């Protein structure tokens, strides 16, 4: 079925421990029931509200494995935290996953936010946006041009060549995982799309439309044509059996038809690609969502 927007699903992050065979089965199930994309978070650990610590599998090695067990769906990090990676090495990882997937990778990039994981793994938390600007420059030049010679305050790439290149001509699409004013000024002149998390627009079509209007204004100021930079959004869903996330944002609930209407309303508000963040996130939930996708 052809719909005027794409729909992806975010695979488990820290909801619970998920062994690799189950993660792979989720990916295969998502592809089978009609999802367009798969997403993983690029995080390292979280302190849980009830105590204890939990973390997900590493993002890029997970993406390589998911690329190998699927054939059609696009896949990517939502989004890769540039401070966790040497920029040139991040581009190398992306080119490799793009090859394994046969050109299905989307590269979402952001500056990170959870100081706890920065401190735990020894990454600097200061000047995150300035660091992002330099990292983004290196990653973009390598993925799109195959070469970067950059010397900044935080990062260097001395006469660096990316070889082999990504298999997708021109490199994989680049997404900006932020709607902050300074991040937009850095990313909008160059990216293919921007993404907003459900808690940052209230998880409603009206809230998304407000954010999109602001980003479109910033894109125009950056010299981009109306709609040239795609608008994408994560959507929080609660399905039967969901216990609820620790959030004041209201999740989307209801029948498959109810959820399909919400996704269509998001598309009417200008979203071209939606990523479903699902409570609970299980193989059975992904199967259930196939009914939503079948409605179109």
Foldseek 3Di string as FASTA:
>chain_A
DDDQFAEAAEFDWFPDDDDPVFSLLLLALLVVLPHQEYEYEQAAWDADPVGDMTGGDHGLVSLLVNLQSDAGHAYAYLAHALQVDQLVVVLLSQLVSLVSNVNRYEHEYEQDDDVVRCVVVVGDDPPSLVVRLQSVVSSLCCQQPQFDADDDDPHGDHRGGRPPHRPPHRGHFYEYADLDPSSLLSPLLPGQAYEYECVCQLLALVSLLVSVVVSQVSSVVSVDDRCRHAYEYEAEAEEPPFPDDPDPRDHQYDALVSVLVRVVSNVVSGHRYYYYHYGVRGSVVSNRNSSNVVVD
